[in-house]
């Protein structure tokens, strides 16, 4: 079947990406400074947690209400930014 090989490659690629996402999520969870996270206003806590779970910096930044550079600084201080 001609499409079968292509489909298999795409499935394998999706598996690899999924595994990388899981590894990065676990790394962010382990590295977070819980004290700093708890000291943040609730809205920022939720934005940082969203980033930790999804890795979607733009969505989390929009939720935070901060400009991107300020939100990235919050992520750095929380020890979850790897960029």
Protein backbone atom coordinates (compact mmCIF):
# COMPACT_ATOMS: atom_id res chain seq x y z
CA UNK A 1 0.00 0.00 0.00
CA UNK A 2 1.64 3.29 -1.10
CA UNK A 3 0.36 5.47 1.76
CA UNK A 4 1.17 2.89 4.42
CA UNK A 5 4.87 3.75 4.65
CA UNK A 6 4.10 7.46 4.87
CA UNK A 7 1.47 6.80 7.52
CA UNK A 8 3.90 4.71 9.56
CA UNK A 9 6.53 7.43 9.43
CA UNK A 10 4.00 10.04 10.54
CA UNK A 11 2.81 7.83 13.40
CA UNK A 12 6.39 7.30 14.55
CA UNK A 13 7.09 11.02 14.35
CA UNK A 14 4.00 11.74 16.45
CA UNK A 15 5.16 9.18 19.02
CA UNK A 16 8.59 10.81 19.23
CA UNK A 17 7.11 14.29 19.62
CA UNK A 18 4.70 13.03 22.26
CA UNK A 19 7.54 11.49 24.23
CA UNK A 20 9.58 14.70 23.99
CA UNK A 21 6.57 16.70 25.21
CA UNK A 22 6.19 14.35 28.19
CA UNK A 23 9.88 14.61 29.06
CA UNK A 24 9.89 18.40 28.86
CA UNK A 25 6.71 18.65 30.96
CA UNK A 26 8.27 16.42 33.62
CA UNK A 27 11.47 18.49 33.58
CA UNK A 28 9.49 21.72 34.09
CA UNK A 29 7.54 20.12 36.96
CA UNK A 30 10.71 18.96 38.72
CA UNK A 31 12.60 22.23 38.31
CA UNK A 32 9.91 24.70 39.39
CA UNK A 33 10.64 26.82 42.45
CA UNK A 34 7.49 26.07 44.43
CA UNK A 35 8.07 28.89 46.92
CA UNK A 36 8.40 31.46 44.17
CA UNK A 37 5.38 30.04 42.36
CA UNK A 38 3.28 30.27 45.53
CA UNK A 39 4.36 33.90 46.04
CA UNK A 40 2.90 34.96 42.67
CA UNK A 41 -0.60 36.38 42.26
CA UNK A 42 -3.11 33.65 41.38
CA UNK A 43 -3.41 34.74 37.75
CA UNK A 44 0.35 34.43 37.26
CA UNK A 45 0.47 31.10 39.11
CA UNK A 46 -2.12 29.74 36.71
CA UNK A 47 -0.24 31.08 33.69
CA UNK A 48 3.03 29.49 34.87
CA UNK A 49 1.24 26.19 35.51
CA UNK A 50 -0.30 26.32 32.05
CA UNK A 51 3.17 26.82 30.56
CA UNK A 52 4.54 23.97 32.66
CA UNK A 53 1.85 21.61 31.37
CA UNK A 54 1.67 22.66 27.73
CA UNK A 55 4.93 24.41 26.92
CA UNK A 56 2.82 27.00 25.06
CA UNK A 57 4.54 30.23 26.07
CA UNK A 58 2.30 32.51 23.99
CA UNK A 59 -0.96 31.13 25.38
CA UNK A 60 0.38 31.25 28.94
CA UNK A 61 1.71 34.77 28.40
CA UNK A 62 -1.67 35.94 27.12
CA UNK A 63 -3.35 34.45 30.20
CA UNK A 64 -0.84 36.22 32.46
CA UNK A 65 -1.65 39.65 31.02
CA UNK A 66 2.06 40.52 31.00
CA UNK A 67 4.17 41.53 28.02
CA UNK A 68 6.14 38.57 26.67
CA UNK A 69 9.52 39.72 28.02
CA UNK A 70 8.11 40.18 31.53
CA UNK A 71 6.38 36.81 31.47
CA UNK A 72 9.57 35.08 30.33
CA UNK A 73 11.34 36.71 33.30
CA UNK A 74 8.69 35.25 35.62
CA UNK A 75 9.32 31.83 34.04
CA UNK A 76 13.07 32.25 34.56
CA UNK A 77 12.59 33.15 38.20
CA UNK A 78 10.29 30.17 38.61
CA UNK A 79 13.08 28.04 37.05
CA UNK A 80 10.86 26.58 34.34
CA UNK A 81 12.09 28.56 31.31
CA UNK A 82 14.51 26.62 29.17
CA UNK A 83 14.65 29.02 26.21
